[in-house]
Protein backbone atom coordinates (compact mmCIF):
# COMPACT_ATOMS: atom_id res chain seq x y z
CA MET A 1 31.79 -4.56 -17.33
CA ASP A 2 32.62 -1.10 -18.27
CA VAL A 3 31.39 -1.51 -22.18
CA ILE A 4 27.72 -2.90 -20.99
CA LYS A 5 27.75 0.26 -18.56
CA ASP A 6 28.68 2.46 -20.84
CA ILE A 7 25.92 0.75 -23.47
CA LEU A 8 23.23 1.23 -20.50
CA THR A 9 24.51 5.22 -20.12
CA PHE A 10 24.20 5.60 -23.86
CA LEU A 11 20.33 4.17 -23.22
CA ALA A 12 19.31 6.41 -20.71
CA ASP A 13 20.55 9.19 -22.15
CA ASN A 14 20.48 9.23 -25.47
CA VAL A 15 16.78 7.12 -26.40
CA PHE A 16 14.85 7.07 -22.44
CA GLY A 17 15.62 10.82 -21.78
CA GLN A 18 14.50 12.19 -24.83
CA VAL A 19 11.00 11.59 -25.56
CA PRO A 20 10.84 12.31 -29.04
CA ILE A 21 13.45 9.68 -29.77
CA LEU A 22 11.88 7.32 -27.60
CA ILE A 23 8.38 8.05 -29.11
CA GLY A 24 9.20 7.61 -32.87
CA LEU A 25 11.22 4.30 -32.36
CA ILE A 26 8.57 2.73 -31.01
CA THR A 27 6.00 3.86 -33.20
CA LEU A 28 8.71 3.08 -36.42
CA ALA A 29 9.11 -0.79 -34.28
CA GLY A 30 5.23 -0.77 -34.04
CA LEU A 31 4.62 -0.27 -37.85
CA LEU A 32 6.84 -2.89 -38.84
CA LEU A 33 5.49 -5.57 -36.93
CA GLN A 34 2.13 -4.57 -38.19
CA ARG A 35 3.62 -4.66 -41.94
CA LYS A 36 3.13 -1.89 -43.25
CA ARG A 37 4.69 -0.44 -45.99
CA PHE A 38 8.10 1.60 -45.87
CA GLU A 39 6.11 4.91 -46.73
CA ASP A 40 3.86 4.58 -43.63
CA VAL A 41 6.26 3.34 -41.98
CA PHE A 42 8.76 6.31 -42.90
CA ALA A 43 5.77 8.79 -42.53
CA GLY A 44 4.15 7.71 -39.29
CA ALA A 45 7.32 7.62 -37.43
CA LEU A 46 8.43 10.99 -38.29
CA ARG A 47 5.20 12.33 -37.75
CA ALA A 48 5.11 11.11 -33.94
CA THR A 49 8.62 12.45 -33.60
CA ILE A 50 7.78 15.76 -34.54
CA GLY A 51 4.18 15.54 -32.24
CA VAL A 52 6.08 15.23 -29.36
CA VAL A 53 8.58 17.65 -30.28
CA ILE A 54 5.75 20.43 -31.52
CA LEU A 55 4.35 19.17 -28.05
CA PHE A 56 7.46 20.09 -26.07
CA ILE A 57 8.29 23.44 -28.00
CA GLY A 58 4.30 24.34 -26.92
CA ILE A 59 5.71 23.06 -23.19
CA ASP A 60 8.65 25.69 -24.07
CA VAL A 61 6.29 28.43 -24.76
CA PHE A 62 3.96 28.67 -21.83
CA THR A 63 6.43 27.47 -19.50
CA GLY A 64 8.93 30.08 -20.03
CA GLY A 65 6.22 32.73 -19.08
CA LEU A 66 5.54 30.78 -15.49
CA SER A 67 9.18 30.99 -14.47
CA SER A 68 9.28 34.56 -15.23
CA PHE A 69 5.47 34.43 -12.93
CA GLN A 70 7.34 32.13 -10.28
CA THR A 71 10.02 35.22 -9.69
CA VAL A 72 7.00 38.08 -10.32
CA LEU A 73 4.75 36.42 -7.75
CA ALA A 74 7.87 35.41 -5.24
CA SER A 75 8.57 39.12 -5.34
CA ALA A 76 5.02 40.79 -5.19
CA MET A 77 4.37 38.75 -1.71
CA GLY A 78 7.81 39.40 -0.41
CA THR A 79 9.09 35.64 0.02
CA LYS A 80 12.46 33.95 -0.87
CA PRO A 81 12.79 30.38 -1.15
CA PRO A 82 15.41 28.60 1.71
CA LYS A 83 18.89 28.26 1.38
CA ALA A 84 20.46 25.20 0.82
CA ASP A 85 23.95 23.79 1.62
CA HIS A 86 23.67 20.98 -1.57
CA THR A 87 22.07 21.80 -4.83
CA LEU A 88 20.62 19.24 -7.38
CA THR A 89 23.26 19.84 -9.87
CA ASP A 90 25.96 18.70 -7.20
CA PHE A 91 23.81 16.29 -6.67
CA LEU A 92 23.28 15.09 -10.54
CA THR A 93 27.61 15.38 -10.54
CA SER A 94 27.89 12.88 -8.06
CA GLN A 95 24.88 10.67 -8.90
CA GLY A 96 24.28 11.07 -12.68
CA GLY A 97 25.85 7.85 -14.18
CA THR A 98 23.76 5.59 -11.37
CA ILE A 99 20.54 7.84 -12.53
CA ALA A 100 21.58 6.91 -16.16
CA LEU A 101 21.97 3.25 -15.01
CA VAL A 102 18.61 2.97 -12.85
CA ILE A 103 16.78 4.46 -16.04
CA THR A 104 17.97 2.06 -18.02
CA VAL A 105 17.86 -1.14 -15.82
CA ALA A 106 14.47 -0.52 -14.76
CA PHE A 107 13.14 0.30 -17.75
CA LEU A 108 14.15 -3.36 -19.47
CA THR A 109 12.72 -4.89 -15.91
CA HIS A 110 9.18 -3.19 -16.56
CA VAL A 111 9.55 -4.75 -20.37
CA LEU A 112 9.71 -7.59 -18.81
CA ILE A 113 7.38 -7.79 -16.06
CA VAL A 114 4.56 -6.09 -18.79
CA ARG A 115 5.98 -9.35 -20.67
CA ILE A 116 5.59 -12.02 -18.26
CA PHE A 117 2.18 -11.22 -16.58
CA PRO A 118 -0.98 -9.79 -18.83
CA ALA A 119 -2.02 -7.79 -16.17
CA ALA A 120 0.61 -5.78 -16.19
CA ARG A 121 -0.91 -3.79 -19.42
CA TYR A 122 0.93 -0.83 -19.70
CA LEU A 123 4.16 0.18 -21.05
CA TYR A 124 5.24 3.53 -19.05
CA LEU A 125 6.50 5.59 -22.15
CA THR A 126 6.79 9.37 -20.16
CA GLY A 127 10.65 9.69 -20.57
CA HIS A 128 11.36 12.47 -18.56
CA LEU A 129 9.29 11.07 -15.92
CA MET A 130 11.52 8.12 -15.82
CA PHE A 131 14.78 10.38 -15.17
CA TRP A 132 12.73 12.49 -12.18
CA ILE A 133 11.66 9.65 -10.54
CA SER A 134 14.97 7.59 -10.92
CA THR A 135 16.52 10.48 -9.37
CA VAL A 136 13.93 10.75 -6.35
CA THR A 137 14.64 7.09 -5.57
CA VAL A 138 18.49 7.10 -5.74
CA ALA A 139 18.23 10.47 -3.74
CA SER A 140 15.95 8.64 -1.11
CA LEU A 141 18.77 5.23 -0.83
CA VAL A 142 21.71 7.80 -0.58
CA THR A 143 19.59 9.33 2.14
CA ILE A 144 18.50 6.32 4.03
CA ALA A 145 21.21 4.45 3.02
CA PRO A 146 24.57 6.15 2.86
CA GLY A 147 27.36 4.80 1.87
CA GLN A 148 26.29 2.34 -0.67
CA ASP A 149 28.15 1.29 -3.68
CA GLN A 150 27.15 2.43 -7.33
CA LEU A 151 26.10 -1.26 -8.04
CA THR A 152 23.94 -1.89 -5.04
CA LEU A 153 22.36 1.54 -5.70
CA VAL A 154 21.64 0.82 -9.03
CA LEU A 155 19.87 -2.49 -8.67
CA CYS A 156 18.28 -1.39 -5.73
CA GLY A 157 17.06 1.86 -7.22
CA ALA A 158 15.99 -0.28 -9.98
CA GLY A 159 14.18 -3.00 -8.57
CA PHE A 160 11.51 0.17 -6.99
CA VAL A 161 11.54 1.64 -9.91
CA ALA A 162 10.57 -0.81 -11.77
CA ALA A 163 7.49 -1.51 -10.03
CA TYR A 164 6.31 1.95 -9.69
CA TRP A 165 6.32 2.09 -13.45
CA THR A 166 4.11 -1.02 -13.72
CA VAL A 167 1.51 -0.55 -11.02
CA GLN A 168 0.98 2.79 -11.79
CA PRO A 169 -0.93 3.35 -14.36
CA LEU A 170 -2.66 0.34 -13.22
CA TRP A 171 -4.08 2.32 -10.49
CA MET A 172 -5.23 5.07 -12.68
CA ARG A 173 -6.98 3.03 -14.78
CA PRO A 174 -10.33 2.88 -13.57
CA LEU A 175 -10.59 6.83 -13.73
CA MET A 176 -8.95 6.49 -16.73
CA ARG A 177 -11.40 4.44 -18.38
CA ARG A 178 -13.84 7.45 -18.08
CA VAL A 179 -11.78 9.86 -19.28
CA MET A 180 -10.80 6.98 -22.20
CA PRO A 181 -13.73 4.68 -22.62
CA ASP A 182 -12.26 3.03 -25.55
CA ASP A 183 -8.61 2.03 -23.10
CA ARG A 184 -6.29 3.14 -25.83
CA PHE A 185 -3.71 4.06 -23.79
CA GLY A 186 -2.95 4.61 -19.59
CA PHE A 187 -2.31 7.27 -17.61
CA ALA A 188 1.95 7.58 -16.72
CA HIS A 189 2.87 10.86 -14.83
CA THR A 190 3.15 11.29 -11.06
CA SER A 191 0.09 13.53 -10.45
CA SER A 192 -1.47 10.12 -10.53
CA LEU A 193 -2.06 10.44 -6.35
CA SER A 194 -3.63 13.51 -6.81
CA CYS A 195 -6.10 12.64 -9.27
CA LEU A 196 -6.64 9.55 -7.47
CA VAL A 197 -7.56 11.28 -4.43
CA THR A 198 -9.60 13.89 -6.24
CA GLY A 199 -11.41 10.73 -8.46
CA PHE A 200 -12.54 9.12 -5.18
CA ALA A 201 -13.21 12.64 -3.33
CA ALA A 202 -15.53 14.12 -5.89
CA ARG A 203 -18.17 11.50 -5.87
CA PRO A 204 -20.56 12.84 -3.91
CA LEU A 205 -20.41 16.26 -4.96
CA GLY A 206 -22.86 15.08 -8.39
CA SER A 207 -22.14 14.20 -11.96
CA ARG A 208 -20.03 15.12 -15.05
CA GLU A 209 -23.56 14.52 -16.90
CA LYS A 210 -25.08 17.89 -14.68
CA HIS A 211 -21.90 20.07 -14.28
CA ASP A 212 -19.36 19.39 -17.16
CA THR A 213 -17.05 22.08 -17.73
CA GLU A 214 -17.17 21.94 -21.38
CA ARG A 215 -21.13 22.02 -20.85
CA LEU A 216 -21.20 25.37 -18.91
CA LYS A 217 -23.94 27.27 -19.78
CA LEU A 218 -22.66 31.32 -19.74
CA PRO A 219 -24.47 34.36 -20.37
CA ARG A 220 -24.37 35.46 -24.00
CA GLN A 221 -21.82 38.44 -22.90
CA LEU A 222 -19.16 35.89 -21.22
CA SER A 223 -19.63 33.12 -24.12
CA PHE A 224 -16.27 33.90 -24.74
CA PHE A 225 -15.04 32.17 -22.32
CA LYS A 226 -15.92 28.56 -23.67
CA ASP A 227 -13.00 29.54 -25.95
CA VAL A 228 -9.86 27.83 -23.52
CA ASN A 229 -7.37 30.18 -25.73
CA VAL A 230 -9.37 32.84 -25.19
CA SER A 231 -9.74 32.01 -21.34
CA THR A 232 -6.61 31.48 -20.78
CA ALA A 233 -5.33 34.32 -22.25
CA LEU A 234 -7.14 36.82 -20.00
CA ILE A 235 -7.30 34.66 -16.88
CA ILE A 236 -3.19 34.23 -16.97
CA SER A 237 -2.95 38.08 -18.35
CA LEU A 238 -4.34 39.33 -15.19
CA ILE A 239 -2.88 37.36 -12.73
CA MET A 240 0.18 38.68 -14.09
CA LEU A 241 -0.73 42.40 -14.21
CA VAL A 242 -1.95 41.82 -10.51
CA ALA A 243 1.41 40.40 -9.65
CA VAL A 244 3.49 43.17 -11.51
CA ALA A 245 1.47 45.98 -9.37
CA PHE A 246 2.86 44.41 -5.83
CA ALA A 247 6.30 43.23 -7.09
CA ASP A 248 9.49 44.61 -6.99
CA HIS A 249 10.11 46.68 -10.19
CA ALA A 250 13.31 45.46 -10.35
CA VAL A 251 12.25 42.11 -9.87
CA VAL A 252 9.73 43.00 -12.87
CA ASP A 253 12.07 45.17 -14.98
CA LYS A 254 14.45 42.62 -15.09
CA ALA A 255 12.04 40.17 -16.19
CA ALA A 256 10.56 42.10 -19.03
CA ALA A 257 14.22 43.09 -20.08
CA ALA A 258 14.55 39.26 -20.70
CA LEU A 259 12.28 38.98 -23.63
CA ASP A 260 12.78 42.89 -24.30
CA PRO A 261 14.81 45.35 -23.18
CA LYS A 262 12.22 48.33 -24.76
CA LEU A 263 9.47 46.49 -23.11
CA SER A 264 6.99 48.14 -20.73
CA PRO A 265 6.12 45.51 -18.23
CA TRP A 266 2.69 45.77 -18.19
CA VAL A 267 2.70 45.06 -21.90
CA TRP A 268 5.38 42.28 -20.56
CA ALA A 269 2.66 41.23 -18.21
CA LEU A 270 -0.07 40.72 -20.72
CA LEU A 271 2.47 39.33 -23.47
CA VAL A 272 3.44 36.08 -20.72
CA GLY A 273 -0.98 35.93 -20.66
CA LEU A 274 -0.75 35.49 -24.86
CA ARG A 275 2.38 33.13 -24.82
CA PHE A 276 1.20 31.19 -21.89
CA ALA A 277 -2.18 30.22 -24.47
CA GLY A 278 -0.16 30.18 -27.12
CA GLY A 279 1.43 27.46 -25.80
CA ILE A 280 -1.27 25.57 -24.92
CA ALA A 281 -2.62 25.60 -28.01
CA ILE A 282 0.64 23.92 -29.55
CA LEU A 283 0.98 21.57 -26.80
CA LEU A 284 -3.03 19.92 -27.61
CA PHE A 285 -2.01 20.14 -31.28
CA GLY A 286 1.30 18.12 -30.95
CA VAL A 287 -0.74 15.72 -28.44
CA ARG A 288 -3.24 15.16 -30.79
CA MET A 289 -0.22 14.51 -33.64
CA PHE A 290 1.61 12.68 -32.11
CA LEU A 291 -1.24 10.24 -30.54
CA GLY A 292 -2.93 9.33 -34.06
CA GLU A 293 0.41 7.67 -34.51
CA ILE A 294 1.57 6.17 -31.35
CA VAL A 295 -1.74 4.75 -30.93
CA PRO A 296 -1.89 2.62 -33.78
CA ALA A 297 1.44 1.79 -34.44
CA PHE A 298 1.32 0.44 -30.64
CA LYS A 299 -0.66 -2.24 -31.73
CA GLY A 300 1.99 -4.25 -33.12
CA PHE A 301 3.55 -4.46 -30.08
CA SER A 302 0.40 -5.38 -28.65
CA ASP A 303 -0.13 -8.19 -31.08
CA ARG A 304 3.01 -9.15 -31.76
CA VAL A 305 5.61 -8.46 -29.25
CA ILE A 306 3.45 -7.81 -25.31
CA PRO A 307 0.09 -9.38 -26.29
CA GLY A 308 -2.48 -6.95 -25.37
CA THR A 309 -0.25 -4.29 -23.78
CA ARG A 310 -0.76 -0.10 -24.24
CA PRO A 311 1.36 2.39 -23.83
CA ALA A 312 0.96 4.84 -20.99
CA LEU A 313 1.35 8.62 -21.56
CA ASP A 314 2.22 11.51 -19.98
CA VAL A 315 -0.21 14.01 -18.38
CA PRO A 316 -0.88 16.12 -21.70
CA THR A 317 -2.64 13.87 -23.53
CA VAL A 318 -5.25 13.84 -21.34
CA PHE A 319 -5.75 17.69 -21.62
CA PRO A 320 -7.86 17.69 -24.97
CA VAL A 321 -10.59 15.94 -22.95
CA ALA A 322 -11.84 18.99 -21.32
CA PRO A 323 -9.67 21.77 -21.70
CA THR A 324 -11.82 23.87 -19.49
CA ALA A 325 -11.17 21.42 -16.57
CA VAL A 326 -7.65 22.03 -17.27
CA MET A 327 -7.66 25.94 -16.62
CA LEU A 328 -10.25 25.71 -13.85
CA GLY A 329 -7.73 23.42 -12.00
CA PHE A 330 -4.54 25.24 -12.58
CA VAL A 331 -6.51 28.23 -11.16
CA THR A 332 -7.73 26.80 -8.32
CA SER A 333 -4.11 25.32 -7.40
CA THR A 334 -2.47 27.98 -7.64
CA SER A 335 -5.16 30.01 -5.73
CA VAL A 336 -4.83 27.38 -2.83
CA PHE A 337 -1.08 27.03 -2.91
CA LEU A 338 -0.47 31.40 -2.56
CA VAL A 339 -2.94 30.80 0.28
CA CYS A 340 -1.01 27.92 2.07
CA LEU A 341 2.17 30.35 0.96
CA ALA A 342 1.00 33.47 3.19
CA VAL A 343 -0.50 31.42 6.22
CA PHE A 344 2.32 29.43 6.22
CA ALA A 345 5.20 32.45 5.84
CA GLY A 346 3.07 34.57 8.32
CA ALA A 347 3.17 31.42 10.88
CA GLY A 348 7.05 31.22 10.09
CA TRP A 349 7.17 27.56 9.33
CA PHE A 350 8.18 27.52 6.13
CA THR A 351 8.93 29.52 2.80
CA LEU A 352 6.95 28.10 -0.12
CA ALA A 353 8.34 28.48 -3.17
CA PRO A 354 6.02 28.72 -6.05
CA PRO A 355 6.12 25.57 -8.41
CA MET A 356 3.75 27.10 -11.33
CA ILE A 357 4.81 24.65 -14.12
CA MET A 358 3.84 21.86 -11.17
CA LEU A 359 0.90 23.70 -10.22
CA PHE A 360 -0.39 24.06 -13.85
CA PHE A 361 0.22 19.93 -14.84
CA VAL A 362 -0.86 18.48 -11.49
CA GLY A 363 -3.92 21.01 -11.41
CA GLY A 364 -4.74 20.52 -15.05
CA ALA A 365 -4.62 16.64 -14.38
CA ALA A 366 -6.70 16.91 -10.93
CA GLY A 367 -9.27 19.07 -12.74
CA VAL A 368 -9.73 16.89 -15.95
CA PHE A 369 -10.19 13.48 -13.20
CA GLY A 370 -12.44 15.73 -11.40
CA ASN A 371 -14.37 17.06 -14.07
CA VAL A 372 -14.98 13.04 -15.42
CA VAL A 373 -16.47 12.24 -11.98
CA ALA A 374 -18.47 15.37 -10.52
CA GLY A 375 -17.75 18.12 -13.79
CA TRP A 376 -16.87 21.25 -12.41
CA ARG A 377 -17.20 20.90 -8.92
CA GLY A 378 -14.95 17.93 -9.15
CA ALA A 379 -12.48 20.31 -11.37
CA VAL A 380 -12.84 22.62 -8.33
CA LEU A 381 -11.68 20.10 -5.54
CA GLY A 382 -9.00 18.65 -7.97
CA GLY A 383 -7.36 21.93 -7.74
CA VAL A 384 -7.62 22.65 -4.29
CA ILE A 385 -6.42 19.24 -3.19
CA SER A 386 -3.33 19.47 -5.79
CA GLY A 387 -2.41 23.16 -4.38
CA LEU A 388 -2.57 21.63 -0.01
CA VAL A 389 -0.61 18.40 -1.32
CA LEU A 390 2.22 20.69 -3.40
CA ALA A 391 2.10 23.22 -0.76
CA VAL A 392 2.40 20.63 2.52
CA GLY A 393 4.89 18.53 0.46
CA GLN A 394 7.25 20.56 -0.32
CA ALA A 395 7.35 22.30 3.70
CA VAL A 396 7.78 19.21 5.24
CA THR A 397 10.26 17.26 1.90
CA TRP A 398 12.51 19.97 1.98
CA GLY A 399 14.20 18.64 4.63
CA LEU A 400 14.38 15.50 3.98
CA TYR A 401 16.88 15.42 0.92
CA GLU A 402 18.64 18.52 3.08
CA ARG A 403 21.94 16.27 2.29
CA THR A 404 21.37 15.59 -1.43
CA ALA A 405 19.01 17.52 -3.64
CA PRO A 406 16.65 20.00 -1.66
CA GLU A 407 15.66 21.18 -4.60
CA LEU A 408 13.46 18.12 -5.39
CA ALA A 409 11.04 19.36 -2.94
CA THR A 410 10.27 22.26 -5.01
CA LEU A 411 10.12 20.76 -8.24
CA ALA A 412 8.19 17.76 -7.14
CA ASP A 413 4.87 16.15 -8.14
CA PRO A 414 2.89 14.60 -5.71
CA ASP A 415 4.14 11.32 -6.55
CA TRP A 416 7.37 12.15 -5.44
CA TYR A 417 6.24 12.77 -2.16
CA ALA A 418 4.83 9.60 -1.47
CA ILE A 419 8.30 8.37 -2.90
CA ALA A 420 10.53 9.78 -0.60
CA TRP A 421 8.43 9.70 2.40
CA LEU A 422 7.85 5.35 2.09
CA LEU A 423 11.26 5.11 1.04
CA LYS A 424 11.96 7.51 4.76
CA ALA A 425 9.45 5.19 6.08
CA ALA A 426 12.25 2.20 5.78
CA ASP A 427 15.02 4.13 7.31
CA PRO A 428 14.26 1.84 10.66
CA VAL A 429 14.92 -1.23 9.17
CA VAL A 430 17.49 -0.13 6.46
CA GLY A 431 21.09 -0.96 7.06
CA ASP A 432 23.95 -2.73 6.38
CA GLY A 433 22.97 -5.24 3.70
CA THR A 434 18.91 -4.39 4.61
CA ILE A 435 18.71 -2.20 1.30
CA TRP A 436 17.79 -4.82 -0.34
CA LEU A 437 14.19 -5.00 1.27
CA VAL A 438 13.76 -2.16 -0.40
CA PRO A 439 13.09 -3.50 -4.12
CA ALA A 440 12.16 -7.19 -2.42
CA VAL A 441 9.19 -5.30 -0.54
CA ALA A 442 8.25 -3.32 -3.89
CA LEU A 443 8.45 -6.16 -6.56
CA ALA A 444 6.68 -8.63 -4.41
CA ALA A 445 4.15 -6.27 -3.53
CA MET A 446 3.96 -5.20 -7.42
CA VAL A 447 4.06 -9.12 -8.08
CA ALA A 448 1.24 -9.66 -5.59
CA THR A 449 -1.10 -7.15 -7.24
CA LEU A 450 -0.83 -8.10 -10.66
CA LEU A 451 -1.35 -11.99 -9.40
CA VAL A 452 -4.89 -10.75 -7.72
CA LEU A 453 -6.02 -8.31 -10.87
CA GLY A 454 -4.79 -11.55 -13.22
CA ARG A 455 -7.36 -13.98 -11.00
CA ALA A 456 -9.97 -11.38 -11.19
CA GLU A 457 -9.79 -10.69 -15.01
CA ARG A 458 -10.03 -14.50 -15.67
CA ARG A 459 -13.04 -14.64 -13.49
CA ARG A 460 -14.49 -12.03 -15.30
CA ALA A 461 -13.93 -13.70 -18.38
CA ASP A 462 -15.10 -17.10 -17.64
CA ALA A 463 -18.60 -15.85 -16.22
CA GLU A 464 -19.46 -14.17 -19.33
CA PRO A 465 -20.45 -16.45 -22.05
CA ALA A 466 -18.44 -16.54 -25.26
CA PRO A 467 -19.40 -15.13 -28.55
CA GLY A 468 -20.15 -18.39 -29.64
CA GLU A 469 -22.75 -19.77 -26.91
CA ALA A 470 -24.31 -16.46 -26.67
CA ARG A 471 -25.38 -16.87 -30.37
CA THR A 472 -26.14 -20.78 -29.87
CA ALA A 473 -28.07 -19.87 -26.94
CA ALA A 474 -29.71 -16.88 -28.63
CA GLY A 475 -30.59 -19.46 -31.99
CA GLY A 476 -31.95 -22.05 -29.09
CA GLY A 477 -33.91 -19.51 -27.95
CA VAL A 478 -35.35 -18.54 -31.64
CA ALA A 479 -35.55 -22.36 -33.03
CA GLY A 480 -37.44 -23.40 -29.39
CA GLY A 481 -39.91 -20.50 -29.86
CA ALA A 482 -40.73 -21.41 -33.89
CA ALA A 483 -41.00 -24.44 -33.01
CA THR A 484 -43.53 -24.30 -30.13
CA GLU A 485 -45.44 -21.51 -32.83
CA ARG A 486 -44.98 -24.66 -35.12
CA ALA A 487 -46.94 -26.64 -32.69
């Protein structure tokens, strides 16, 4: 038993938890299944791995600036995050092994489900979110059913997480088909609920054809805003300069000194904006590089291992579709969150901590999906919805994790909040022995969803004439017309 546990933990820590390795191995296996030549297999797997590494380098570049910005911004607004008796570090120390086992068992279960049910369609491959979703689920289970043994937590958590990984890309599929009409890959990110709400709410606001963010007409003097790198650097630099002007000098000096002790805070603010824009450019390059390999390589799995399946990938994969919408969603979500911060603090409700990294990814994703429905109006709405969800979610969820890891509320994406409160709703019926209702209900709902989707797809397939039948009908019509003419 200990050997199996060690193997599963190793896989979680060194394969599923390491996105470049996971993507590289899947690309390698996919190309081998297609019987590509050795040099093509080797180069393709390496390019996919390097593409993911480049993507994460870009993320590290701009999130470093966002973390500093978060500190300076909190100082400028005179706020401090609430105190916690328990920390995420403590929770990971006590439950890290359980979380690693949940990741591995859930992924193996997810693969089995996708293999059995054709309607499942997507294989969830966002490695770092596998860790965070498992962490949130374990923290919720510990909250509603304290004192459970590790095996119970692993099996119950894995069942729930596997159901989420299977269904989440499916509820995003209608919107993703508008972003990616060729359905090359699915959307696997915990911002999905904000994106979904944005997609529905943006419908009355117009159309993408009229208001597409990537086709906005600007005066000649402002045409440089069409270059997303230029507009990103300018907007973030301006926000940073305003924050520096109002923040405590000691806080700003410390942040600037971390980059260069001799640096002026004002120059540091400009450099943060420039590094942010550079990080985005690096990220997008990495996305294009690894997508160019993983998508065609995945055909090997689709043809031979899991027929008809596609990869479901991280949120940056949709950013190249509408980079202007990404920035519009990010700036709007940040603005709305800051307004909520001021209102909540003034009313004495809760002191929010600006989650700049989440505001970027969630706001940017909602901006893309809002844009595909209603252009720039939808992108702005997506930012508003994201800012509100992250602000309200943080305020109401902090206390839920006060006995485990309250920081999960400040690091959260919208789906985290939904999972937390969905499991909290089960609290009245979950007790000794009834915690098994959590995975049982989740898996039952997932199976029902897949059966309904499968039946709907079979109906559509039956309603469409087969290609041969269509050609025969068309040929008969031509022949009949010719015969009539001859008669």
